[in-house]
Amino acid sequence: MDLADQLRNLFPDHEPDEPGNSRSEEGNDHGLWLQEAPIRCVYEKRKGKPVTVLEGYTGADSDFRELTRMLKRELHVGGSYKDDRIVIQGDYRDRIMDFLKDLGFKVKRVGG
């Protein structure tokens, strides 16, 4: 008698979920951890060039790195993840905010 049979004997009314129908605890397709406080989207100039900085993400570092990859791929621009911040080359605040809202994040525009 394996574990599944033992559980069926203990809980006969319980119907287990389908193995392919598992949903993440966050509720989105990308598996990113959602948060209470909004991500801040800040416009800065560094050495005379515009950059967009995202900060305030409280999830895991691996999720933030994956979000960086997704943003760079979506916008077709360069960028990096460093010191719990995402730095995207160029002023893409509106497009970034729309993209993050589509993923289910709360976003706050800071400055300008």
PDB file of N, CA and C in Angstrom:
ATOM      1  N   MET A   1       0.854  -1.171   0.000  1.00  0.00           N
ATOM      2  CA  MET A   1       0.000   0.000   0.000  1.00  0.00           C
ATOM      3  C   MET A   1       0.905   1.240   0.000  1.00  0.00           C
ATOM      4  N   ASP A   2       0.747   2.063  -1.025  1.00  0.00           N
ATOM      5  CA  ASP A   2       1.590   3.252  -1.103  1.00  0.00           C
ATOM      6  C   ASP A   2       0.917   4.433  -0.406  1.00  0.00           C
ATOM      7  N   LEU A   3       1.583   5.557  -0.414  1.00  0.00           N
ATOM      8  CA  LEU A   3       1.114   6.734   0.302  1.00  0.00           C
ATOM      9  C   LEU A   3      -0.227   7.238  -0.232  1.00  0.00           C
ATOM     10  N   ALA A   4      -0.405   7.210  -1.552  1.00  0.00           N
ATOM     11  CA  ALA A   4      -1.664   7.681  -2.130  1.00  0.00           C
ATOM     12  C   ALA A   4      -2.843   6.829  -1.658  1.00  0.00           C
ATOM     13  N   ASP A   5      -2.652   5.519  -1.572  1.00  0.00           N
ATOM     14  CA  ASP A   5      -3.725   4.636  -1.076  1.00  0.00           C
ATOM     15  C   ASP A   5      -4.026   4.913   0.393  1.00  0.00           C
ATOM     16  N   GLN A   6      -2.994   5.139   1.197  1.00  0.00           N
ATOM     17  CA  GLN A   6      -3.200   5.444   2.609  1.00  0.00           C
ATOM     18  C   GLN A   6      -3.980   6.746   2.787  1.00  0.00           C
ATOM     19  N   LEU A   7      -3.634   7.749   1.981  1.00  0.00           N
ATOM     20  CA  LEU A   7      -4.349   9.024   2.068  1.00  0.00           C
ATOM     21  C   LEU A   7      -5.800   8.877   1.630  1.00  0.00           C
ATOM     22  N   ARG A   8      -6.038   8.060   0.593  1.00  0.00           N
ATOM     23  CA  ARG A   8      -7.431   7.824   0.170  1.00  0.00           C
ATOM     24  C   ARG A   8      -8.238   7.147   1.268  1.00  0.00           C
ATOM     25  N   ASN A   9      -7.607   6.233   2.020  1.00  0.00           N
ATOM     26  CA  ASN A   9      -8.309   5.565   3.118  1.00  0.00           C
ATOM     27  C   ASN A   9      -8.610   6.541   4.258  1.00  0.00           C
ATOM     28  N   LEU A  10      -7.689   7.461   4.531  1.00  0.00           N
ATOM     29  CA  LEU A  10      -7.898   8.422   5.607  1.00  0.00           C
ATOM     30  C   LEU A  10      -8.912   9.501   5.238  1.00  0.00           C
ATOM     31  N   PHE A  11      -8.875   9.948   3.974  1.00  0.00           N
ATOM     32  CA  PHE A  11      -9.742  11.037   3.515  1.00  0.00           C
ATOM     33  C   PHE A  11     -10.503  10.581   2.270  1.00  0.00           C
ATOM     34  N   PRO A  12     -11.569   9.806   2.441  1.00  0.00           N
ATOM     35  CA  PRO A  12     -12.263   9.260   1.279  1.00  0.00           C
ATOM     36  C   PRO A  12     -13.009  10.324   0.455  1.00  0.00           C
ATOM     37  N   ASP A  13     -13.403  11.446   1.053  1.00  0.00           N
ATOM     38  CA  ASP A  13     -14.155  12.471   0.331  1.00  0.00           C
ATOM     39  C   ASP A  13     -13.261  13.436  -0.445  1.00  0.00           C
ATOM     40  N   HIS A  14     -11.978  13.400  -0.193  1.00  0.00           N
ATOM     41  CA  HIS A  14     -11.052  14.340  -0.831  1.00  0.00           C
ATOM     42  C   HIS A  14     -10.772  13.928  -2.274  1.00  0.00           C
ATOM     43  N   GLU A  15     -10.856  14.916  -3.169  1.00  0.00           N
ATOM     44  CA  GLU A  15     -10.511  14.677  -4.564  1.00  0.00           C
ATOM     45  C   GLU A  15      -9.206  15.403  -4.856  1.00  0.00           C
ATOM     46  N   PRO A  16      -8.143  14.670  -5.154  1.00  0.00           N
ATOM     47  CA  PRO A  16      -6.852  15.327  -5.403  1.00  0.00           C
ATOM     48  C   PRO A  16      -6.868  16.103  -6.704  1.00  0.00           C
ATOM     49  N   ASP A  17      -6.026  17.153  -6.753  1.00  0.00           N
ATOM     50  CA  ASP A  17      -5.892  17.951  -7.972  1.00  0.00           C
ATOM     51  C   ASP A  17      -5.204  17.131  -9.048  1.00  0.00           C
ATOM     52  N   GLU A  18      -5.476  17.494 -10.287  1.00  0.00           N
ATOM     53  CA  GLU A  18      -4.799  16.854 -11.406  1.00  0.00           C
ATOM     54  C   GLU A  18      -3.334  17.270 -11.387  1.00  0.00           C
ATOM     55  N   PRO A  19      -2.412  16.388 -11.743  1.00  0.00           N
ATOM     56  CA  PRO A  19      -0.995  16.762 -11.709  1.00  0.00           C
ATOM     57  C   PRO A  19      -0.644  17.882 -12.677  1.00  0.00           C
ATOM     58  N   GLY A  20      -1.272  17.962 -13.822  1.00  0.00           N
ATOM     59  CA  GLY A  20      -0.983  19.018 -14.784  1.00  0.00           C
ATOM     60  C   GLY A  20      -1.716  20.302 -14.493  1.00  0.00           C
ATOM     61  N   ASN A  21      -2.622  20.289 -13.535  1.00  0.00           N
ATOM     62  CA  ASN A  21      -3.457  21.451 -13.238  1.00  0.00           C
ATOM     63  C   ASN A  21      -2.960  22.189 -12.006  1.00  0.00           C
ATOM     64  N   SER A  22      -1.675  22.076 -11.717  1.00  0.00           N
ATOM     65  CA  SER A  22      -1.170  22.775 -10.541  1.00  0.00           C
ATOM     66  C   SER A  22      -0.964  24.242 -10.875  1.00  0.00           C
ATOM     67  N   ARG A  23      -1.351  25.097  -9.969  1.00  0.00           N
ATOM     68  CA  ARG A  23      -1.157  26.529 -10.168  1.00  0.00           C
ATOM     69  C   ARG A  23      -0.221  27.024  -9.091  1.00  0.00           C
ATOM     70  N   SER A  24       0.531  28.024  -9.431  1.00  0.00           N
ATOM     71  CA  SER A  24       1.499  28.546  -8.477  1.00  0.00           C
ATOM     72  C   SER A  24       0.774  29.322  -7.389  1.00  0.00           C
ATOM     73  N   GLU A  25       1.426  29.456  -6.258  1.00  0.00           N
ATOM     74  CA  GLU A  25       0.801  30.155  -5.142  1.00  0.00           C
ATOM     75  C   GLU A  25       0.666  31.641  -5.398  1.00  0.00           C
ATOM     76  N   GLU A  26       1.403  32.167  -6.376  1.00  0.00           N
ATOM     77  CA  GLU A  26       1.323  33.589  -6.665  1.00  0.00           C
ATOM     78  C   GLU A  26       0.122  33.923  -7.528  1.00  0.00           C
ATOM     79  N   GLY A  27      -0.292  32.980  -8.356  1.00  0.00           N
ATOM     80  CA  GLY A  27      -1.466  33.223  -9.175  1.00  0.00           C
ATOM     81  C   GLY A  27      -1.162  33.758 -10.557  1.00  0.00           C
ATOM     82  N   ASN A  28       0.107  33.784 -10.995  1.00  0.00           N
ATOM     83  CA  ASN A  28       0.391  34.204 -12.350  1.00  0.00           C
ATOM     84  C   ASN A  28       1.169  33.120 -13.073  1.00  0.00           C
ATOM     85  N   ASP A  29       1.311  33.251 -14.379  1.00  0.00           N
ATOM     86  CA  ASP A  29       1.929  32.216 -15.190  1.00  0.00           C
ATOM     87  C   ASP A  29       3.440  32.190 -15.063  1.00  0.00           C
ATOM     88  N   HIS A  30       4.039  33.261 -14.635  1.00  0.00           N
ATOM     89  CA  HIS A  30       5.485  33.349 -14.633  1.00  0.00           C
ATOM     90  C   HIS A  30       6.101  32.878 -13.329  1.00  0.00           C
ATOM     91  N   GLY A  31       5.317  32.631 -12.296  1.00  0.00           N
ATOM     92  CA  GLY A  31       5.838  32.133 -11.040  1.00  0.00           C
ATOM     93  C   GLY A  31       6.611  33.162 -10.249  1.00  0.00           C
ATOM     94  N   LEU A  32       6.399  34.438 -10.513  1.00  0.00           N
ATOM     95  CA  LEU A  32       7.102  35.472  -9.775  1.00  0.00           C
ATOM     96  C   LEU A  32       6.352  35.787  -8.490  1.00  0.00           C
ATOM     97  N   TRP A  33       7.097  36.075  -7.456  1.00  0.00           N
ATOM     98  CA  TRP A  33       6.504  36.354  -6.165  1.00  0.00           C
ATOM     99  C   TRP A  33       5.930  37.753  -6.146  1.00  0.00           C
ATOM    100  N   LEU A  34       4.648  37.863  -5.854  1.00  0.00           N
ATOM    101  CA  LEU A  34       4.009  39.178  -5.802  1.00  0.00           C
ATOM    102  C   LEU A  34       4.173  39.764  -4.414  1.00  0.00           C
ATOM    103  N   GLN A  35       4.027  41.068  -4.306  1.00  0.00           N
ATOM    104  CA  GLN A  35       4.338  41.746  -3.054  1.00  0.00           C
ATOM    105  C   GLN A  35       3.285  42.768  -2.695  1.00  0.00           C
ATOM    106  N   GLU A  36       3.389  43.262  -1.494  1.00  0.00           N
ATOM    107  CA  GLU A  36       2.440  44.252  -0.978  1.00  0.00           C
ATOM    108  C   GLU A  36       2.789  45.662  -1.441  1.00  0.00           C
ATOM    109  N   ALA A  37       4.043  46.071  -1.269  1.00  0.00           N
ATOM    110  CA  ALA A  37       4.468  47.424  -1.635  1.00  0.00           C
ATOM    111  C   ALA A  37       4.777  47.475  -3.129  1.00  0.00           C
ATOM    112  N   PRO A  38       4.502  48.608  -3.771  1.00  0.00           N
ATOM    113  CA  PRO A  38       4.759  48.698  -5.218  1.00  0.00           C
ATOM    114  C   PRO A  38       6.250  48.776  -5.545  1.00  0.00           C
ATOM    115  N   ILE A  39       6.580  48.340  -6.750  1.00  0.00           N
ATOM    116  CA  ILE A  39       7.929  48.505  -7.266  1.00  0.00           C
ATOM    117  C   ILE A  39       8.068  49.949  -7.729  1.00  0.00           C
ATOM    118  N   ARG A  40       9.157  50.606  -7.343  1.00  0.00           N
ATOM    119  CA  ARG A  40       9.367  52.002  -7.733  1.00  0.00           C
ATOM    120  C   ARG A  40      10.084  52.046  -9.069  1.00  0.00           C
ATOM    121  N   CYS A  41       9.558  52.822  -9.997  1.00  0.00           N
ATOM    122  CA  CYS A  41      10.140  52.996 -11.320  1.00  0.00           C
ATOM    123  C   CYS A  41      10.695  54.417 -11.384  1.00  0.00           C
ATOM    124  N   VAL A  42      12.029  54.553 -11.385  1.00  0.00           N
ATOM    125  CA  VAL A  42      12.696  55.843 -11.263  1.00  0.00           C
ATOM    126  C   VAL A  42      13.489  56.136 -12.531  1.00  0.00           C
ATOM    127  N   TYR A  43      13.395  57.363 -13.017  1.00  0.00           N
ATOM    128  CA  TYR A  43      14.180  57.816 -14.164  1.00  0.00           C
ATOM    129  C   TYR A  43      15.402  58.563 -13.649  1.00  0.00           C
ATOM    130  N   GLU A  44      16.578  58.214 -14.143  1.00  0.00           N
ATOM    131  CA  GLU A  44      17.812  58.885 -13.746  1.00  0.00           C
ATOM    132  C   GLU A  44      18.668  59.131 -14.977  1.00  0.00           C
ATOM    133  N   LYS A  45      19.630  60.002 -14.825  1.00  0.00           N
ATOM    134  CA  LYS A  45      20.643  60.197 -15.857  1.00  0.00           C
ATOM    135  C   LYS A  45      21.981  59.840 -15.240  1.00  0.00           C
ATOM    136  N   ARG A  46      22.699  58.964 -15.913  1.00  0.00           N
ATOM    137  CA  ARG A  46      24.015  58.560 -15.458  1.00  0.00           C
ATOM    138  C   ARG A  46      25.014  58.842 -16.567  1.00  0.00           C
ATOM    139  N   LYS A  47      25.959  59.691 -16.268  1.00  0.00           N
ATOM    140  CA  LYS A  47      26.958  60.123 -17.261  1.00  0.00           C
ATOM    141  C   LYS A  47      26.284  60.675 -18.512  1.00  0.00           C
ATOM    142  N   GLY A  48      25.197  61.395 -18.317  1.00  0.00           N
ATOM    143  CA  GLY A  48      24.487  62.035 -19.410  1.00  0.00           C
ATOM    144  C   GLY A  48      23.548  61.138 -20.184  1.00  0.00           C
ATOM    145  N   LYS A  49      23.448  59.871 -19.810  1.00  0.00           N
ATOM    146  CA  LYS A  49      22.585  58.947 -20.537  1.00  0.00           C
ATOM    147  C   LYS A  49      21.402  58.539 -19.662  1.00  0.00           C
ATOM    148  N   PRO A  50      20.210  58.448 -20.263  1.00  0.00           N
ATOM    149  CA  PRO A  50      19.023  58.099 -19.461  1.00  0.00           C
ATOM    150  C   PRO A  50      18.990  56.614 -19.111  1.00  0.00           C
ATOM    151  N   VAL A  51      18.584  56.318 -17.877  1.00  0.00           N
ATOM    152  CA  VAL A  51      18.374  54.947 -17.433  1.00  0.00           C
ATOM    153  C   VAL A  51      17.091  54.900 -16.608  1.00  0.00           C
ATOM    154  N   THR A  52      16.469  53.746 -16.593  1.00  0.00           N
ATOM    155  CA  THR A  52      15.293  53.514 -15.766  1.00  0.00           C
ATOM    156  C   THR A  52      15.691  52.514 -14.689  1.00  0.00           C
ATOM    157  N   VAL A  53      15.434  52.850 -13.436  1.00  0.00           N
ATOM    158  CA  VAL A  53      15.828  52.012 -12.308  1.00  0.00           C
ATOM    159  C   VAL A  53      14.565  51.501 -11.623  1.00  0.00           C
ATOM    160  N   LEU A  54      14.514  50.187 -11.399  1.00  0.00           N
ATOM    161  CA  LEU A  54      13.413  49.559 -10.667  1.00  0.00           C
ATOM    162  C   LEU A  54      13.945  49.071  -9.330  1.00  0.00           C
ATOM    163  N   GLU A  55      13.282  49.453  -8.264  1.00  0.00           N
ATOM    164  CA  GLU A  55      13.716  49.039  -6.934  1.00  0.00           C
ATOM    165  C   GLU A  55      12.501  48.829  -6.053  1.00  0.00           C
ATOM    166  N   GLY A  56      12.726  48.131  -4.949  1.00  0.00           N
ATOM    167  CA  GLY A  56      11.651  47.896  -4.004  1.00  0.00           C
ATOM    168  C   GLY A  56      11.030  46.517  -4.106  1.00  0.00           C
ATOM    169  N   TYR A  57      11.628  45.607  -4.853  1.00  0.00           N
ATOM    170  CA  TYR A  57      11.121  44.241  -4.959  1.00  0.00           C
ATOM    171  C   TYR A  57      11.553  43.470  -3.727  1.00  0.00           C
ATOM    172  N   THR A  58      10.630  42.801  -3.073  1.00  0.00           N
ATOM    173  CA  THR A  58      10.944  42.122  -1.822  1.00  0.00           C
ATOM    174  C   THR A  58      10.966  40.607  -1.959  1.00  0.00           C
ATOM    175  N   GLY A  59      10.948  40.101  -3.169  1.00  0.00           N
ATOM    176  CA  GLY A  59      10.952  38.660  -3.390  1.00  0.00           C
ATOM    177  C   GLY A  59      12.355  38.081  -3.414  1.00  0.00           C
ATOM    178  N   ALA A  60      12.464  36.895  -3.956  1.00  0.00           N
ATOM    179  CA  ALA A  60      13.741  36.203  -4.036  1.00  0.00           C
ATOM    180  C   ALA A  60      14.618  36.818  -5.124  1.00  0.00           C
ATOM    181  N   ASP A  61      15.929  36.718  -4.932  1.00  0.00           N
ATOM    182  CA  ASP A  61      16.865  37.264  -5.917  1.00  0.00           C
ATOM    183  C   ASP A  61      16.720  36.579  -7.269  1.00  0.00           C
ATOM    184  N   SER A  62      16.478  35.278  -7.256  1.00  0.00           N
ATOM    185  CA  SER A  62      16.358  34.557  -8.524  1.00  0.00           C
ATOM    186  C   SER A  62      15.145  35.048  -9.315  1.00  0.00           C
ATOM    187  N   ASP A  63      14.050  35.380  -8.621  1.00  0.00           N
ATOM    188  CA  ASP A  63      12.876  35.919  -9.309  1.00  0.00           C
ATOM    189  C   ASP A  63      13.166  37.292  -9.897  1.00  0.00           C
ATOM    190  N   PHE A  64      13.916  38.101  -9.160  1.00  0.00           N
ATOM    191  CA  PHE A  64      14.255  39.451  -9.636  1.00  0.00           C
ATOM    192  C   PHE A  64      15.179  39.372 -10.846  1.00  0.00           C
ATOM    193  N   ARG A  65      16.090  38.410 -10.848  1.00  0.00           N
ATOM    194  CA  ARG A  65      16.970  38.208 -12.003  1.00  0.00           C
ATOM    195  C   ARG A  65      16.158  37.765 -13.223  1.00  0.00           C
ATOM    196  N   GLU A  66      15.196  36.890 -13.005  1.00  0.00           N
ATOM    197  CA  GLU A  66      14.342  36.436 -14.112  1.00  0.00           C
ATOM    198  C   GLU A  66      13.502  37.595 -14.643  1.00  0.00           C
ATOM    199  N   LEU A  67      13.016  38.447 -13.747  1.00  0.00           N
ATOM    200  CA  LEU A  67      12.267  39.627 -14.173  1.00  0.00           C
ATOM    201  C   LEU A  67      13.151  40.552 -15.008  1.00  0.00           C
ATOM    202  N   THR A  68      14.433  40.673 -14.638  1.00  0.00           N
ATOM    203  CA  THR A  68      15.374  41.477 -15.413  1.00  0.00           C
ATOM    204  C   THR A  68      15.511  40.920 -16.820  1.00  0.00           C
ATOM    205  N   ARG A  69      15.669  39.619 -16.930  1.00  0.00           N
ATOM    206  CA  ARG A  69      15.787  38.988 -18.251  1.00  0.00           C
ATOM    207  C   ARG A  69      14.533  39.216 -19.085  1.00  0.00           C
ATOM    208  N   MET A  70      13.375  39.084 -18.457  1.00  0.00           N
ATOM    209  CA  MET A  70      12.119  39.261 -19.184  1.00  0.00           C
ATOM    210  C   MET A  70      11.980  40.697 -19.692  1.00  0.00           C
ATOM    211  N   LEU A  71      12.327  41.673 -18.850  1.00  0.00           N
ATOM    212  CA  LEU A  71      12.237  43.076 -19.253  1.00  0.00           C
ATOM    213  C   LEU A  71      13.194  43.387 -20.397  1.00  0.00           C
ATOM    214  N   LYS A  72      14.431  42.923 -20.308  1.00  0.00           N
ATOM    215  CA  LYS A  72      15.398  43.186 -21.360  1.00  0.00           C
ATOM    216  C   LYS A  72      14.956  42.550 -22.675  1.00  0.00           C
ATOM    217  N   ARG A  73      14.392  41.365 -22.586  1.00  0.00           N
ATOM    218  CA  ARG A  73      13.922  40.676 -23.784  1.00  0.00           C
ATOM    219  C   ARG A  73      12.703  41.386 -24.379  1.00  0.00           C
ATOM    220  N   GLU A  74      11.811  41.875 -23.536  1.00  0.00           N
ATOM    221  CA  GLU A  74      10.602  42.561 -23.998  1.00  0.00           C
ATOM    222  C   GLU A  74      10.932  43.899 -24.656  1.00  0.00           C
ATOM    223  N   LEU A  75      11.865  44.640 -24.066  1.00  0.00           N
ATOM    224  CA  LEU A  75      12.185  45.978 -24.550  1.00  0.00           C
ATOM    225  C   LEU A  75      13.305  45.998 -25.585  1.00  0.00           C
ATOM    226  N   HIS A  76      14.021  44.894 -25.748  1.00  0.00           N
ATOM    227  CA  HIS A  76      15.144  44.809 -26.685  1.00  0.00           C
ATOM    228  C   HIS A  76      16.216  45.845 -26.354  1.00  0.00           C
ATOM    229  N   VAL A  77      16.543  45.947 -25.068  1.00  0.00           N
ATOM    230  CA  VAL A  77      17.566  46.887 -24.617  1.00  0.00           C
ATOM    231  C   VAL A  77      18.501  46.176 -23.641  1.00  0.00           C
ATOM    232  N   GLY A  78      19.572  46.863 -23.289  1.00  0.00           N
ATOM    233  CA  GLY A  78      20.501  46.340 -22.304  1.00  0.00           C
ATOM    234  C   GLY A  78      20.080  46.735 -20.908  1.00  0.00           C
ATOM    235  N   GLY A  79      20.652  46.083 -19.943  1.00  0.00           N
ATOM    236  CA  GLY A  79      20.347  46.398 -18.566  1.00  0.00           C
ATOM    237  C   GLY A  79      21.078  45.436 -17.652  1.00  0.00           C
ATOM    238  N   SER A  80      20.907  45.617 -16.353  1.00  0.00           N
ATOM    239  CA  SER A  80      21.579  44.743 -15.406  1.00  0.00           C
ATOM    240  C   SER A  80      20.794  44.673 -14.108  1.00  0.00           C
ATOM    241  N   TYR A  81      21.148  43.662 -13.319  1.00  0.00           N
ATOM    242  CA  TYR A  81      20.608  43.499 -11.979  1.00  0.00           C
ATOM    243  C   TYR A  81      21.778  43.607 -11.019  1.00  0.00           C
ATOM    244  N   LYS A  82      21.695  44.562 -10.099  1.00  0.00           N
ATOM    245  CA  LYS A  82      22.801  44.774  -9.177  1.00  0.00           C
ATOM    246  C   LYS A  82      22.285  45.455  -7.922  1.00  0.00           C
ATOM    247  N   ASP A  83      22.708  44.999  -6.768  1.00  0.00           N
ATOM    248  CA  ASP A  83      22.343  45.603  -5.481  1.00  0.00           C
ATOM    249  C   ASP A  83      20.833  45.738  -5.319  1.00  0.00           C
ATOM    250  N   ASP A  84      20.087  44.697  -5.627  1.00  0.00           N
ATOM    251  CA  ASP A  84      18.617  44.671  -5.512  1.00  0.00           C
ATOM    252  C   ASP A  84      17.945  45.756  -6.336  1.00  0.00           C
ATOM    253  N   ARG A  85      18.512  46.099  -7.468  1.00  0.00           N
ATOM    254  CA  ARG A  85      17.932  47.080  -8.389  1.00  0.00           C
ATOM    255  C   ARG A  85      18.068  46.555  -9.805  1.00  0.00           C
ATOM    256  N   ILE A  86      17.104  46.872 -10.628  1.00  0.00           N
ATOM    257  CA  ILE A  86      17.200  46.596 -12.053  1.00  0.00           C
ATOM    258  C   ILE A  86      17.476  47.928 -12.736  1.00  0.00           C
ATOM    259  N   VAL A  87      18.527  47.968 -13.554  1.00  0.00           N
ATOM    260  CA  VAL A  87      18.869  49.171 -14.301  1.00  0.00           C
ATOM    261  C   VAL A  87      18.685  48.849 -15.777  1.00  0.00           C
ATOM    262  N   ILE A  88      17.749  49.556 -16.430  1.00  0.00           N
ATOM    263  CA  ILE A  88      17.472  49.379 -17.852  1.00  0.00           C
ATOM    264  C   ILE A  88      17.979  50.607 -18.590  1.00  0.00           C
ATOM    265  N   GLN A  89      18.699  50.389 -19.682  1.00  0.00           N
ATOM    266  CA  GLN A  89      19.241  51.500 -20.451  1.00  0.00           C
ATOM    267  C   GLN A  89      18.131  52.187 -21.229  1.00  0.00           C
ATOM    268  N   GLY A  90      17.978  53.487 -21.032  1.00  0.00           N
ATOM    269  CA  GLY A  90      16.965  54.265 -21.744  1.00  0.00           C
ATOM    270  C   GLY A  90      15.785  54.610 -20.852  1.00  0.00           C
ATOM    271  N   ASP A  91      14.954  55.510 -21.350  1.00  0.00           N
ATOM    272  CA  ASP A  91      13.764  55.947 -20.620  1.00  0.00           C
ATOM    273  C   ASP A  91      12.562  55.154 -21.127  1.00  0.00           C
ATOM    274  N   TYR A  92      12.275  54.044 -20.464  1.00  0.00           N
ATOM    275  CA  TYR A  92      11.175  53.169 -20.852  1.00  0.00           C
ATOM    276  C   TYR A  92      10.167  53.018 -19.722  1.00  0.00           C
ATOM    277  N   ARG A  93       9.969  54.064 -18.939  1.00  0.00           N
ATOM    278  CA  ARG A  93       9.100  53.961 -17.768  1.00  0.00           C
ATOM    279  C   ARG A  93       7.696  53.498 -18.115  1.00  0.00           C
ATOM    280  N   ASP A  94       7.088  54.084 -19.149  1.00  0.00           N
ATOM    281  CA  ASP A  94       5.706  53.732 -19.483  1.00  0.00           C
ATOM    282  C   ASP A  94       5.586  52.287 -19.925  1.00  0.00           C
ATOM    283  N   ARG A  95       6.488  51.843 -20.786  1.00  0.00           N
ATOM    284  CA  ARG A  95       6.433  50.466 -21.272  1.00  0.00           C
ATOM    285  C   ARG A  95       6.726  49.470 -20.161  1.00  0.00           C
ATOM    286  N   ILE A  96       7.666  49.807 -19.278  1.00  0.00           N
ATOM    287  CA  ILE A  96       7.997  48.925 -18.159  1.00  0.00           C
ATOM    288  C   ILE A  96       6.820  48.823 -17.208  1.00  0.00           C
ATOM    289  N   MET A  97       6.200  49.963 -16.915  1.00  0.00           N
ATOM    290  CA  MET A  97       5.060  49.951 -15.999  1.00  0.00           C
ATOM    291  C   MET A  97       3.904  49.141 -16.571  1.00  0.00           C
ATOM    292  N   ASP A  98       3.627  49.272 -17.858  1.00  0.00           N
ATOM    293  CA  ASP A  98       2.569  48.477 -18.479  1.00  0.00           C
ATOM    294  C   ASP A  98       2.893  46.987 -18.427  1.00  0.00           C
ATOM    295  N   PHE A  99       4.141  46.648 -18.712  1.00  0.00           N
ATOM    296  CA  PHE A  99       4.568  45.252 -18.696  1.00  0.00           C
ATOM    297  C   PHE A  99       4.419  44.651 -17.297  1.00  0.00           C
ATOM    298  N   LEU A 100       4.863  45.395 -16.270  1.00  0.00           N
ATOM    299  CA  LEU A 100       4.770  44.891 -14.902  1.00  0.00           C
ATOM    300  C   LEU A 100       3.324  44.790 -14.430  1.00  0.00           C
ATOM    301  N   LYS A 101       2.488  45.727 -14.848  1.00  0.00           N
ATOM    302  CA  LYS A 101       1.072  45.650 -14.478  1.00  0.00           C
ATOM    303  C   LYS A 101       0.412  44.437 -15.112  1.00  0.00           C
ATOM    304  N   ASP A 102       0.804  44.103 -16.341  1.00  0.00           N
ATOM    305  CA  ASP A 102       0.273  42.906 -16.991  1.00  0.00           C
ATOM    306  C   ASP A 102       0.676  41.637 -16.246  1.00  0.00           C
ATOM    307  N   LEU A 103       1.860  41.668 -15.609  1.00  0.00           N
ATOM    308  CA  LEU A 103       2.306  40.529 -14.816  1.00  0.00           C
ATOM    309  C   LEU A 103       1.642  40.482 -13.443  1.00  0.00           C
ATOM    310  N   GLY A 104       0.960  41.562 -13.041  1.00  0.00           N
ATOM    311  CA  GLY A 104       0.261  41.582 -11.767  1.00  0.00           C
ATOM    312  C   GLY A 104       0.963  42.351 -10.671  1.00  0.00           C
ATOM    313  N   PHE A 105       2.005  43.071 -10.996  1.00  0.00           N
ATOM    314  CA  PHE A 105       2.732  43.851  -9.993  1.00  0.00           C
ATOM    315  C   PHE A 105       2.062  45.201  -9.785  1.00  0.00           C
ATOM    316  N   LYS A 106       2.271  45.755  -8.614  1.00  0.00           N
ATOM    317  CA  LYS A 106       1.902  47.138  -8.337  1.00  0.00           C
ATOM    318  C   LYS A 106       3.147  47.971  -8.628  1.00  0.00           C
ATOM    319  N   VAL A 107       2.960  49.044  -9.396  1.00  0.00           N
ATOM    320  CA  VAL A 107       4.100  49.857  -9.807  1.00  0.00           C
ATOM    321  C   VAL A 107       3.816  51.309  -9.464  1.00  0.00           C
ATOM    322  N   LYS A 108       4.842  51.995  -8.982  1.00  0.00           N
ATOM    323  CA  LYS A 108       4.713  53.407  -8.652  1.00  0.00           C
ATOM    324  C   LYS A 108       5.760  54.187  -9.421  1.00  0.00           C
ATOM    325  N   ARG A 109       5.320  55.217 -10.134  1.00  0.00           N
ATOM    326  CA  ARG A 109       6.218  56.059 -10.912  1.00  0.00           C
ATOM    327  C   ARG A 109       6.767  57.147  -9.999  1.00  0.00           C
ATOM    328  N   VAL A 110       8.073  57.294  -9.982  1.00  0.00           N
ATOM    329  CA  VAL A 110       8.725  58.274  -9.111  1.00  0.00           C
ATOM    330  C   VAL A 110       9.500  59.242  -9.983  1.00  0.00           C
ATOM    331  N   GLY A 111       9.263  60.529  -9.786  1.00  0.00           N
ATOM    332  CA  GLY A 111       9.992  61.560 -10.515  1.00  0.00           C
ATOM    333  C   GLY A 111       9.527  61.728 -11.949  1.00  0.00           C
ATOM    334  N   GLY A 112       9.147  62.931 -12.291  1.00  0.00           N
ATOM    335  CA  GLY A 112       8.779  63.285 -13.669  1.00  0.00           C
ATOM    336  C   GLY A 112       7.655  62.544 -14.185  1.00  0.00           C
TER     337      GLY A 112
END
